[in-house]
C-alpha atoms as a PDB file:
ATOM      1  CA  MET A   1       6.852 152.494   3.044  1.00  0.00           C
ATOM      2  CA  SER A   2       6.734 154.768   6.131  1.00  0.00           C
ATOM      3  CA  ALA A   3      10.247 156.473   7.577  1.00  0.00           C
ATOM      4  CA  GLN A   4       9.923 153.657  10.453  1.00  0.00           C
ATOM      5  CA  ASP A   5       9.963 150.510   7.837  1.00  0.00           C
ATOM      6  CA  PRO A   6      12.294 148.754   8.240  1.00  0.00           C
ATOM      7  CA  HIS A   7      12.864 147.960   4.774  1.00  0.00           C
ATOM      8  CA  ILE A   8      14.243 151.131   4.271  1.00  0.00           C
ATOM      9  CA  HIS A   9      16.948 150.856   6.552  1.00  0.00           C
ATOM     10  CA  LEU A  10      17.606 147.296   4.951  1.00  0.00           C
ATOM     11  CA  LEU A  11      18.336 148.562   1.594  1.00  0.00           C
ATOM     12  CA  GLN A  12      20.619 151.040   3.326  1.00  0.00           C
ATOM     13  CA  ALA A  13      23.243 149.069   4.902  1.00  0.00           C
ATOM     14  CA  GLY A  14      23.023 146.727   1.767  1.00  0.00           C
ATOM     15  CA  ARG A  15      24.334 150.017   0.030  1.00  0.00           C
ATOM     16  CA  SER A  16      26.357 150.724   2.685  1.00  0.00           C
ATOM     17  CA  LEU A  17      28.017 147.452   2.583  1.00  0.00           C
ATOM     18  CA  ALA A  18      27.737 147.312  -1.336  1.00  0.00           C
ATOM     19  CA  GLU A  19      30.370 150.157  -1.632  1.00  0.00           C
ATOM     20  CA  CYS A  20      32.447 148.430   1.183  1.00  0.00           C
ATOM     21  CA  GLU A  21      32.311 145.456  -0.700  1.00  0.00           C
ATOM     22  CA  PHE A  22      33.648 146.928  -4.314  1.00  0.00           C
ATOM     23  CA  LEU A  23      36.535 148.401  -2.271  1.00  0.00           C
ATOM     24  CA  LEU A  24      37.764 145.480  -0.212  1.00  0.00           C
ATOM     25  CA  ARG A  25      37.828 143.762  -3.492  1.00  0.00           C
ATOM     26  CA  GLN A  26      39.157 146.840  -5.705  1.00  0.00           C
ATOM     27  CA  PHE A  27      41.598 148.067  -3.532  1.00  0.00           C
ATOM     28  CA  SER A  28      42.005 145.938  -0.778  1.00  0.00           C
ATOM     29  CA  GLY A  29      40.281 148.360   2.126  1.00  0.00           C
ATOM     30  CA  GLU A  30      40.389 152.007   1.374  1.00  0.00           C
ATOM     31  CA  GLY A  31      40.029 154.340   4.630  1.00  0.00           C
ATOM     32  CA  ALA A  32      36.458 154.582   3.691  1.00  0.00           C
ATOM     33  CA  VAL A  33      35.514 151.263   4.241  1.00  0.00           C
ATOM     34  CA  PRO A  34      35.371 151.837   8.432  1.00  0.00           C
ATOM     35  CA  ASP A  35      32.924 154.539   8.022  1.00  0.00           C
ATOM     36  CA  LEU A  36      30.722 152.412   5.883  1.00  0.00           C
ATOM     37  CA  ILE A  37      30.385 149.449   7.672  1.00  0.00           C
ATOM     38  CA  ALA A  38      29.286 151.742  10.899  1.00  0.00           C
ATOM     39  CA  GLN A  39      26.783 153.492   8.525  1.00  0.00           C
ATOM     40  CA  ALA A  40      25.054 149.922   7.783  1.00  0.00           C
ATOM     41  CA  ARG A  41      25.496 148.941  11.467  1.00  0.00           C
ATOM     42  CA  HIS A  42      23.849 151.852  12.139  1.00  0.00           C
ATOM     43  CA  HIS A  43      20.953 151.440   9.973  1.00  0.00           C
ATOM     44  CA  CYS A  44      20.130 147.476  11.070  1.00  0.00           C
ATOM     45  CA  ASP A  45      20.148 148.800  14.790  1.00  0.00           C
ATOM     46  CA  GLN A  46      17.422 151.406  12.852  1.00  0.00           C
ATOM     47  CA  ALA A  47      15.802 148.440  10.993  1.00  0.00           C
ATOM     48  CA  GLU A  48      16.103 145.893  14.482  1.00  0.00           C
ATOM     49  CA  GLN A  49      13.763 148.795  16.183  1.00  0.00           C
ATOM     50  CA  GLY A  50      11.034 148.899  14.237  1.00  0.00           C
ATOM     51  CA  PRO A  51       7.938 146.358  13.356  1.00  0.00           C
ATOM     52  CA  HIS A  52       9.004 142.994  11.335  1.00  0.00           C
ATOM     53  CA  GLU A  53       6.831 141.558   9.806  1.00  0.00           C
ATOM     54  CA  ASN A  54       7.917 138.133   9.514  1.00  0.00           C
ATOM     55  CA  THR A  55      11.191 135.750   9.869  1.00  0.00           C
ATOM     56  CA  GLU A  56      12.395 137.011   5.990  1.00  0.00           C
ATOM     57  CA  THR A  57      12.898 140.304   7.700  1.00  0.00           C
ATOM     58  CA  ALA A  58      14.759 139.234  10.800  1.00  0.00           C
ATOM     59  CA  ALA A  59      17.109 136.841   8.587  1.00  0.00           C
ATOM     60  CA  THR A  60      17.999 139.742   6.112  1.00  0.00           C
ATOM     61  CA  LEU A  61      18.713 141.748   9.582  1.00  0.00           C
ATOM     62  CA  ALA A  62      20.943 138.758  10.376  1.00  0.00           C
ATOM     63  CA  ILE A  63      23.306 138.139   6.858  1.00  0.00           C
ATOM     64  CA  LEU A  64      23.533 142.038   6.895  1.00  0.00           C
ATOM     65  CA  ARG A  65      25.270 141.916  10.380  1.00  0.00           C
ATOM     66  CA  ALA A  66      27.294 139.052   9.492  1.00  0.00           C
ATOM     67  CA  VAL A  67      28.417 140.631   6.452  1.00  0.00           C
ATOM     68  CA  ALA A  68      29.632 143.632   8.483  1.00  0.00           C
ATOM     69  CA  SER A  69      31.382 141.566  11.081  1.00  0.00           C
ATOM     70  CA  THR A  70      33.047 139.437   8.335  1.00  0.00           C
ATOM     71  CA  PHE A  71      34.034 142.751   6.158  1.00  0.00           C
ATOM     72  CA  ALA A  72      35.256 144.969   9.626  1.00  0.00           C
ATOM     73  CA  LEU A  73      37.562 141.686  10.206  1.00  0.00           C
ATOM     74  CA  ARG A  74      38.772 141.166   5.959  1.00  0.00           C
ATOM     75  CA  HIS A  75      39.635 145.344   6.306  1.00  0.00           C
ATOM     76  CA  VAL A  76      41.294 144.675   9.686  1.00  0.00           C
ATOM     77  CA  ALA A  77      43.488 141.700   8.066  1.00  0.00           C
ATOM     78  CA  LEU A  78      43.944 143.688   4.823  1.00  0.00           C
ATOM     79  CA  SER A  79      44.804 147.119   6.246  1.00  0.00           C
ATOM     80  CA  ASP A  80      46.280 146.020   9.815  1.00  0.00           C
ATOM     81  CA  VAL A  81      47.869 142.925   9.695  1.00  0.00           C
ATOM     82  CA  CYS A  82      48.662 142.738   5.748  1.00  0.00           C
ATOM     83  CA  CYS A  83      47.729 139.502   5.122  1.00  0.00           C
ATOM     84  CA  ASP A  84      45.558 137.850   2.239  1.00  0.00           C
ATOM     85  CA  PHE A  85      41.841 138.140   2.905  1.00  0.00           C
ATOM     86  CA  ASP A  86      39.570 138.239  -0.122  1.00  0.00           C
ATOM     87  CA  ASP A  87      36.352 136.360  -1.730  1.00  0.00           C
ATOM     88  CA  ASP A  88      38.875 134.686  -4.777  1.00  0.00           C
ATOM     89  CA  ASP A  89      40.827 132.185  -2.187  1.00  0.00           C
ATOM     90  CA  GLY A  90      39.333 132.823   1.489  1.00  0.00           C
ATOM     91  CA  THR A  91      41.837 133.670   3.763  1.00  0.00           C
ATOM     92  CA  LEU A  92      45.345 132.170   5.541  1.00  0.00           C
ATOM     93  CA  LEU A  93      44.623 129.207   8.170  1.00  0.00           C
ATOM     94  CA  ASN A  94      45.308 130.799  11.572  1.00  0.00           C
ATOM     95  CA  GLY A  95      46.042 134.179  10.271  1.00  0.00           C
ATOM     96  CA  LEU A  96      45.168 135.651  13.659  1.00  0.00           C
ATOM     97  CA  GLY A  97      47.948 133.382  15.793  1.00  0.00           C
ATOM     98  CA  LYS A  98      50.843 133.628  13.144  1.00  0.00           C
ATOM     99  CA  HIS A  99      50.308 137.154  11.285  1.00  0.00           C
ATOM    100  CA  ASP A 100      48.421 139.098  13.926  1.00  0.00           C
ATOM    101  CA  SER A 101      50.746 139.351  17.186  1.00  0.00           C
ATOM    102  CA  LYS A 102      49.200 141.939  18.804  1.00  0.00           C
ATOM    103  CA  GLY A 103      45.744 140.126  18.776  1.00  0.00           C
ATOM    104  CA  VAL A 104      44.197 143.497  16.744  1.00  0.00           C
ATOM    105  CA  SER A 105      42.060 141.623  15.419  1.00  0.00           C
ATOM    106  CA  ARG A 106      40.685 138.893  17.698  1.00  0.00           C
ATOM    107  CA  PRO A 107      37.669 140.723  18.877  1.00  0.00           C
ATOM    108  CA  LEU A 108      36.773 141.197  15.232  1.00  0.00           C
ATOM    109  CA  ALA A 109      37.196 137.506  14.284  1.00  0.00           C
ATOM    110  CA  GLU A 110      35.270 136.033  17.136  1.00  0.00           C
ATOM    111  CA  GLU A 111      32.608 138.790  16.420  1.00  0.00           C
ATOM    112  CA  ALA A 112      32.727 136.984  12.723  1.00  0.00           C
ATOM    113  CA  VAL A 113      32.302 134.047  14.132  1.00  0.00           C
ATOM    114  CA  LEU A 114      28.869 134.889  16.322  1.00  0.00           C
ATOM    115  CA  THR A 115      27.095 136.510  14.066  1.00  0.00           C
ATOM    116  CA  ALA A 116      27.743 134.217  11.238  1.00  0.00           C
ATOM    117  CA  GLU A 117      26.557 131.244  13.401  1.00  0.00           C
ATOM    118  CA  ALA A 118      23.016 133.524  14.545  1.00  0.00           C
ATOM    119  CA  ALA A 119      22.762 134.212  10.372  1.00  0.00           C
ATOM    120  CA  LEU A 120      23.123 130.626   9.485  1.00  0.00           C
ATOM    121  CA  ILE A 121      20.098 129.738  12.235  1.00  0.00           C
ATOM    122  CA  ALA A 122      18.285 132.392  10.975  1.00  0.00           C
ATOM    123  CA  ASP A 123      18.152 131.504   7.454  1.00  0.00           C
ATOM    124  CA  PRO A 124      19.405 127.792   7.129  1.00  0.00           C
ATOM    125  CA  HIS A 125      19.472 128.073   3.207  1.00  0.00           C
ATOM    126  CA  ASP A 126      20.908 130.640   2.571  1.00  0.00           C
ATOM    127  CA  ALA A 127      24.750 129.809   0.702  1.00  0.00           C
ATOM    128  CA  LEU A 128      26.960 133.033   1.975  1.00  0.00           C
ATOM    129  CA  MET A 129      26.777 132.270   5.418  1.00  0.00           C
ATOM    130  CA  PRO A 130      28.659 129.123   5.495  1.00  0.00           C
ATOM    131  CA  LEU A 131      31.021 130.939   3.510  1.00  0.00           C
ATOM    132  CA  TYR A 132      31.772 133.542   5.548  1.00  0.00           C
ATOM    133  CA  LEU A 133      31.835 131.264   8.868  1.00  0.00           C
ATOM    134  CA  GLY A 134      34.244 129.808   7.193  1.00  0.00           C
ATOM    135  CA  HIS A 135      36.438 132.487   6.406  1.00  0.00           C
ATOM    136  CA  ALA A 136      36.481 133.703  10.010  1.00  0.00           C
ATOM    137  CA  LEU A 137      37.423 130.135  11.389  1.00  0.00           C
ATOM    138  CA  THR A 138      40.007 129.839   8.415  1.00  0.00           C
ATOM    139  CA  TRP A 139      41.508 133.075  10.218  1.00  0.00           C
ATOM    140  CA  VAL A 140      41.248 131.775  14.103  1.00  0.00           C
ATOM    141  CA  GLY A 141      42.701 128.871  13.261  1.00  0.00           C
ATOM    142  CA  ASN A 142      39.961 126.421  13.550  1.00  0.00           C
ATOM    143  CA  PRO A 143      40.685 124.000  10.053  1.00  0.00           C
ATOM    144  CA  GLU A 144      38.280 121.278  10.865  1.00  0.00           C
ATOM    145  CA  ALA A 145      35.510 123.510  11.278  1.00  0.00           C
ATOM    146  CA  ALA A 146      36.055 125.721   8.323  1.00  0.00           C
ATOM    147  CA  ILE A 147      36.325 122.394   6.236  1.00  0.00           C
ATOM    148  CA  ALA A 148      32.509 121.171   7.786  1.00  0.00           C
ATOM    149  CA  ALA A 149      31.374 125.595   6.560  1.00  0.00           C
ATOM    150  CA  TYR A 150      32.711 125.620   3.481  1.00  0.00           C
ATOM    151  CA  GLN A 151      31.599 122.013   2.588  1.00  0.00           C
ATOM    152  CA  GLU A 152      28.319 123.526   3.218  1.00  0.00           C
ATOM    153  CA  ALA A 153      28.559 126.561   1.315  1.00  0.00           C
ATOM    154  CA  LEU A 154      29.790 124.192  -1.634  1.00  0.00           C
ATOM    155  CA  ARG A 155      26.545 122.413  -1.307  1.00  0.00           C
ATOM    156  CA  ARG A 156      24.230 125.429  -1.336  1.00  0.00           C
ATOM    157  CA  ALA A 157      25.967 126.931  -3.863  1.00  0.00           C
ATOM    158  CA  PRO A 158      28.226 124.051  -6.060  1.00  0.00           C
ATOM    159  CA  ASP A 159      29.215 126.379  -8.450  1.00  0.00           C
ATOM    160  CA  ASP A 160      31.367 128.873  -5.657  1.00  0.00           C
ATOM    161  CA  GLN A 161      34.797 128.944  -6.783  1.00  0.00           C
ATOM    162  CA  CYS A 162      36.012 130.565  -3.314  1.00  0.00           C
ATOM    163  CA  ALA A 163      34.816 127.656  -1.399  1.00  0.00           C
ATOM    164  CA  ARG A 164      36.149 125.261  -3.658  1.00  0.00           C
ATOM    165  CA  SER A 165      39.838 126.804  -3.528  1.00  0.00           C
ATOM    166  CA  ALA A 166      39.492 127.300   0.277  1.00  0.00           C
ATOM    167  CA  LEU A 167      38.553 123.484   0.846  1.00  0.00           C
ATOM    168  CA  SER A 168      41.892 123.121  -1.428  1.00  0.00           C
ATOM    169  CA  SER A 169      44.378 125.230   0.416  1.00  0.00           C
ATOM    170  CA  LEU A 170      42.647 123.310   3.880  1.00  0.00           C
ATOM    171  CA  HIS A 171      43.373 120.189   2.106  1.00  0.00           C
ATOM    172  CA  ALA A 172      40.150 118.923   1.957  1.00  0.00           C
ATOM    173  CA  PRO A 173      38.874 116.121  -0.031  1.00  0.00           C
ATOM    174  CA  PRO A 174      37.625 117.905  -3.487  1.00  0.00           C
ATOM    175  CA  THR A 175      33.913 117.666  -4.440  1.00  0.00           C
ATOM    176  CA  LYS A 176      32.230 117.516  -7.706  1.00  0.00           C
ATOM    177  CA  ARG A 177      31.956 119.912  -9.756  1.00  0.00           C
ATOM    178  CA  PRO A 178      28.137 121.374 -10.600  1.00  0.00           C
ATOM    179  CA  GLN A 179      27.142 120.311 -14.139  1.00  0.00           C
ATOM    180  CA  SER A 180      24.894 123.209 -14.388  1.00  0.00           C
ATOM    181  CA  GLU A 181      24.122 126.933 -12.939  1.00  0.00           C
ATOM    182  CA  THR A 182      23.075 127.166  -9.321  1.00  0.00           C
ATOM    183  CA  ARG A 183      19.539 128.395  -9.065  1.00  0.00           C
ATOM    184  CA  HIS A 184      17.975 130.128  -6.269  1.00  0.00           C
ATOM    185  CA  PRO A 185      15.843 127.528  -4.583  1.00  0.00           C
ATOM    186  CA  ARG A 186      13.382 129.848  -2.852  1.00  0.00           C
ATOM    187  CA  HIS A 187      13.086 133.653  -4.403  1.00  0.00           C
ATOM    188  CA  ALA A 188      12.611 135.165  -7.496  1.00  0.00           C
ATOM    189  CA  PHE A 189      15.075 138.482  -8.876  1.00  0.00           C
ATOM    190  CA  ALA A 190      16.621 139.992 -11.846  1.00  0.00           C
ATOM    191  CA  LEU A 191      20.470 139.926 -11.508  1.00  0.00           C
ATOM    192  CA  LEU A 192      22.094 142.750 -13.953  1.00  0.00           C
ATOM    193  CA  ARG A 193      26.049 141.976 -14.781  1.00  0.00           C
ATOM    194  CA  SER A 194      27.537 144.921 -15.914  1.00  0.00           C
ATOM    195  CA  ALA A 195      31.500 144.425 -17.161  1.00  0.00           C
ATOM    196  CA  TYR A 196      33.592 148.110 -18.047  1.00  0.00           C
ATOM    197  CA  TRP A 197      36.588 149.397 -17.065  1.00  0.00           C
ATOM    198  CA  ILE A 198      36.559 152.083 -13.999  1.00  0.00           C
ATOM    199  CA  ASN A 199      39.754 153.706 -15.422  1.00  0.00           C
ATOM    200  CA  ASN A 200      42.741 152.832 -17.762  1.00  0.00           C
ATOM    201  CA  ASN A 201      44.264 149.970 -14.955  1.00  0.00           C
ATOM    202  CA  GLU A 202      40.526 148.665 -13.485  1.00  0.00           C
ATOM    203  CA  TRP A 203      37.561 146.252 -14.718  1.00  0.00           C
ATOM    204  CA  GLU A 204      34.754 146.025 -12.961  1.00  0.00           C
ATOM    205  CA  ASP A 205      32.475 143.185 -13.251  1.00  0.00           C
ATOM    206  CA  ALA A 206      29.526 144.778 -11.075  1.00  0.00           C
ATOM    207  CA  LEU A 207      26.496 142.756 -10.284  1.00  0.00           C
ATOM    208  CA  PHE A 208      23.545 143.780  -8.667  1.00  0.00           C
ATOM    209  CA  LEU A 209      20.045 142.507  -7.530  1.00  0.00           C
ATOM    210  CA  PHE A 210      16.657 143.646  -8.319  1.00  0.00           C
ATOM    211  CA  THR A 211      12.668 142.657  -7.232  1.00  0.00           C
ATOM    212  CA  SER A 212      10.995 143.221 -11.032  1.00  0.00           C
ATOM    213  CA  VAL A 213      12.807 143.550 -14.599  1.00  0.00           C
ATOM    214  CA  ALA A 214      10.574 146.529 -14.240  1.00  0.00           C
ATOM    215  CA  ASP A 215      13.285 148.614 -11.843  1.00  0.00           C
ATOM    216  CA  VAL A 216      15.967 147.445 -14.157  1.00  0.00           C
ATOM    217  CA  ARG A 217      14.533 148.610 -17.653  1.00  0.00           C
ATOM    218  CA  THR A 218      14.197 151.900 -15.136  1.00  0.00           C
ATOM    219  CA  HIS A 219      17.587 152.070 -14.116  1.00  0.00           C
ATOM    220  CA  LEU A 220      19.344 151.414 -17.381  1.00  0.00           C
ATOM    221  CA  ALA A 221      17.305 154.153 -18.510  1.00  0.00           C
ATOM    222  CA  ALA A 222      18.313 156.598 -16.283  1.00  0.00           C
ATOM    223  CA  VAL A 223      21.751 155.394 -16.822  1.00  0.00           C
ATOM    224  CA  LEU A 224      21.881 155.507 -20.542  1.00  0.00           C
ATOM    225  CA  GLY A 225      19.832 158.503 -20.853  1.00  0.00           C
ATOM    226  CA  PRO A 226      21.458 162.292 -21.074  1.00  0.00           C
ATOM    227  CA  GLY A 227      22.397 164.368 -18.948  1.00  0.00           C
ATOM    228  CA  PRO A 228      23.862 163.525 -15.001  1.00  0.00           C
ATOM    229  CA  ASN A 229      24.334 159.852 -13.581  1.00  0.00           C
ATOM    230  CA  ILE A 230      22.040 159.943 -11.472  1.00  0.00           C
ATOM    231  CA  GLY A 231      21.214 157.895  -8.278  1.00  0.00           C
ATOM    232  CA  THR A 232      24.176 155.911  -8.829  1.00  0.00           C
ATOM    233  CA  ARG A 233      27.322 156.062  -7.361  1.00  0.00           C
ATOM    234  CA  SER A 234      30.594 157.703  -9.461  1.00  0.00           C
ATOM    235  CA  ARG A 235      32.011 154.487  -9.976  1.00  0.00           C
ATOM    236  CA  TYR A 236      29.161 152.621 -11.546  1.00  0.00           C
ATOM    237  CA  LEU A 237      27.879 151.725 -15.117  1.00  0.00           C
ATOM    238  CA  THR A 238      27.269 155.122 -17.084  1.00  0.00           C
ATOM    239  CA  GLY A 239      26.482 154.869 -20.885  1.00  0.00           C
ATOM    240  CA  GLU A 240      29.910 155.675 -22.328  1.00  0.00           C
ATOM    241  CA  ASP A 241      31.054 153.082 -20.633  1.00  0.00           C
ATOM    242  CA  LEU A 242      29.294 150.626 -22.746  1.00  0.00           C
ATOM    243  CA  ASP A 243      31.098 151.539 -25.795  1.00  0.00           C
ATOM    244  CA  ASP A 244      34.384 150.977 -24.554  1.00  0.00           C
ATOM    245  CA  GLU A 245      36.098 147.573 -25.660  1.00  0.00           C
ATOM    246  CA  GLY A 246      35.053 144.105 -24.316  1.00  0.00           C
ATOM    247  CA  ALA A 247      32.328 145.675 -22.238  1.00  0.00           C
ATOM    248  CA  GLU A 248      28.810 143.815 -21.545  1.00  0.00           C
ATOM    249  CA  LEU A 249      25.936 144.264 -20.512  1.00  0.00           C
ATOM    250  CA  ALA A 250      23.473 141.073 -19.586  1.00  0.00           C
ATOM    251  CA  LEU A 251      20.120 140.062 -17.634  1.00  0.00           C
ATOM    252  CA  ARG A 252      19.768 136.880 -15.758  1.00  0.00           C
ATOM    253  CA  ILE A 253      16.034 136.277 -13.951  1.00  0.00           C
ATOM    254  CA  TYR A 254      15.849 133.908 -11.021  1.00  0.00           C
ATOM    255  CA  ARG A 255      12.949 131.651 -10.683  1.00  0.00           C
ATOM    256  CA  PRO A 256      12.618 129.135  -7.624  1.00  0.00           C
ATOM    257  CA  GLY A 257      12.245 125.586 -10.287  1.00  0.00           C
ATOM    258  CA  CYS A 258      13.026 127.213 -12.700  1.00  0.00           C
ATOM    259  CA  PRO A 259      15.928 127.274 -15.437  1.00  0.00           C
ATOM    260  CA  ILE A 260      17.784 130.455 -15.028  1.00  0.00           C
ATOM    261  CA  THR A 261      16.458 132.873 -17.866  1.00  0.00           C
ATOM    262  CA  LYS A 262      19.659 134.921 -20.136  1.00  0.00           C
ATOM    263  CA  TYR A 263      19.560 137.965 -22.245  1.00  0.00           C
ATOM    264  CA  ASP A 264      22.097 139.581 -23.634  1.00  0.00           C
ATOM    265  CA  LEU A 265      21.239 143.360 -23.141  1.00  0.00           C
ATOM    266  CA  SER A 266      24.799 144.448 -25.174  1.00  0.00           C
ATOM    267  CA  ALA A 267      23.112 142.880 -28.268  1.00  0.00           C
ATOM    268  CA  ARG A 268      20.122 145.202 -27.796  1.00  0.00           C
ATOM    269  CA  LEU A 269      21.643 148.127 -27.597  1.00  0.00           C
ATOM    270  CA  HIS A 270      20.309 151.319 -29.948  1.00  0.00           C
ATOM    271  CA  GLU A 271      23.832 152.519 -30.262  1.00  0.00           C
ATOM    272  CA  ASN A 272      22.645 154.802 -33.007  1.00  0.00           C
ATOM    273  CA  THR A 273      20.078 156.527 -31.070  1.00  0.00           C
ATOM    274  CA  GLU A 274      20.291 159.597 -28.613  1.00  0.00           C
ATOM    275  CA  PRO A 275      20.189 158.672 -25.502  1.00  0.00           C
ATOM    276  CA  THR A 276      21.235 155.054 -26.453  1.00  0.00           C
ATOM    277  CA  SER A 277      18.444 152.870 -25.800  1.00  0.00           C
ATOM    278  CA  ILE A 278      17.684 149.162 -25.502  1.00  0.00           C
ATOM    279  CA  ASP A 279      15.075 146.801 -27.727  1.00  0.00           C
ATOM    280  CA  TRP A 280      13.230 144.981 -24.845  1.00  0.00           C
ATOM    281  CA  THR A 281      11.466 143.383 -26.791  1.00  0.00           C
ATOM    282  CA  GLY A 282      10.589 139.878 -26.237  1.00  0.00           C
ATOM    283  CA  VAL A 283      11.967 140.159 -22.102  1.00  0.00           C
ATOM    284  CA  PRO A 284       9.453 139.414 -19.392  1.00  0.00           C
ATOM    285  CA  VAL A 285       9.314 143.053 -18.022  1.00  0.00           C
ATOM    286  CA  ASP A 286       5.851 143.330 -16.634  1.00  0.00           C
ATOM    287  CA  GLU A 287       5.976 140.206 -15.117  1.00  0.00           C
ATOM    288  CA  LEU A 288       5.877 139.775 -11.473  1.00  0.00           C
ATOM    289  CA  LEU A 289       9.029 137.745  -9.913  1.00  0.00           C
ATOM    290  CA  GLU A 290       7.425 135.387  -6.869  1.00  0.00           C
ATOM    291  CA  PRO A 291       7.827 135.109  -4.289  1.00  0.00           C
ATOM    292  CA  PRO A 292      10.115 138.085  -4.284  1.00  0.00           C
ATOM    293  CA  LEU A 293      13.522 138.502  -2.885  1.00  0.00           C
ATOM    294  CA  PRO A 294      13.124 140.067   0.350  1.00  0.00           C
ATOM    295  CA  PRO A 295      14.316 143.739   0.491  1.00  0.00           C
ATOM    296  CA  GLY A 296      17.867 144.455   1.443  1.00  0.00           C
ATOM    297  CA  ARG A 297      18.893 140.753   1.092  1.00  0.00           C
ATOM    298  CA  PRO A 298      22.295 139.991  -0.396  1.00  0.00           C
ATOM    299  CA  LEU A 299      23.009 136.833  -1.822  1.00  0.00           C
ATOM    300  CA  ARG A 300      25.991 134.963  -3.189  1.00  0.00           C
ATOM    301  CA  LEU A 301      26.039 134.034  -6.869  1.00  0.00           C
ATOM    302  CA  HIS A 302      29.085 133.590  -9.231  1.00  0.00           C
ATOM    303  CA  SER A 303      31.249 133.552  -7.016  1.00  0.00           C
ATOM    304  CA  ARG A 304      30.660 136.647  -5.615  1.00  0.00           C
ATOM    305  CA  VAL A 305      28.410 138.415  -3.268  1.00  0.00           C
ATOM    306  CA  CYS A 306      25.635 140.236  -5.263  1.00  0.00           C
ATOM    307  CA  PHE A 307      23.169 143.433  -3.433  1.00  0.00           C
ATOM    308  CA  HIS A 308      20.431 145.133  -4.579  1.00  0.00           C
ATOM    309  CA  HIS A 309      20.139 148.284  -6.672  1.00  0.00           C
ATOM    310  CA  ASP A 310      17.588 150.742  -5.189  1.00  0.00           C
END
């Protein structure tokens, strides 16, 4: 990739937003969130100046901008307005009118609505954008439009508990629960889930996207290998974390039109070796996952926003 390749900036924008998501979810919006959002927007601006190869790049850009806007609104609602706004239940109806007497969240709420609507146009299949549109519409006090957005989110991802909870809070009719896990309809990718203790009090259930199983193997080899945890944030998984009680490591492979393939990597750990390694026998490490997930594209899976790990 050249230095001007927009994919580089899209990946970097996603990296900043992944850190935002963690801070908002675990610590209700630490002071670092505004700077991370500014970084993400800067990289989106840089990506927009580069050549756009196809509509997927433009759609990824629109989605990342909408995520940044939603996180900005969520941060102000949590830290300045002191009002509930999370990815488990959504937010309170008319939080802007009832709880934000000074209107500090108004421009952010309006921007969150506009960017989510623009992203829906750019990618009419994405499951995250109608959910985030529903959050913004709930906050500004438009329950009818919010219900329609959440119902669309649930249609695209029937297992999303946040959309279901938000509809219940808005007294919308219940929808049928899914019989099986949602499959991603258009792209192939690998999802690595790692559950472990961050410290004595916080438990992290991390979900990261990879464009190939080979990238997952390379990443885990670095994580589980000797020496410093290179290439990962300090909060992210280390080899020692997998020794904790209840820790899990799992791989899921998504292919359009195919059942989700699952591998319990915890059961494949060679813990008595130095360094710790994984038995990859029977795992399609060298298989090309087609069509690939666009670089930097976040997805809504397992009621969570998942980002690329690069």
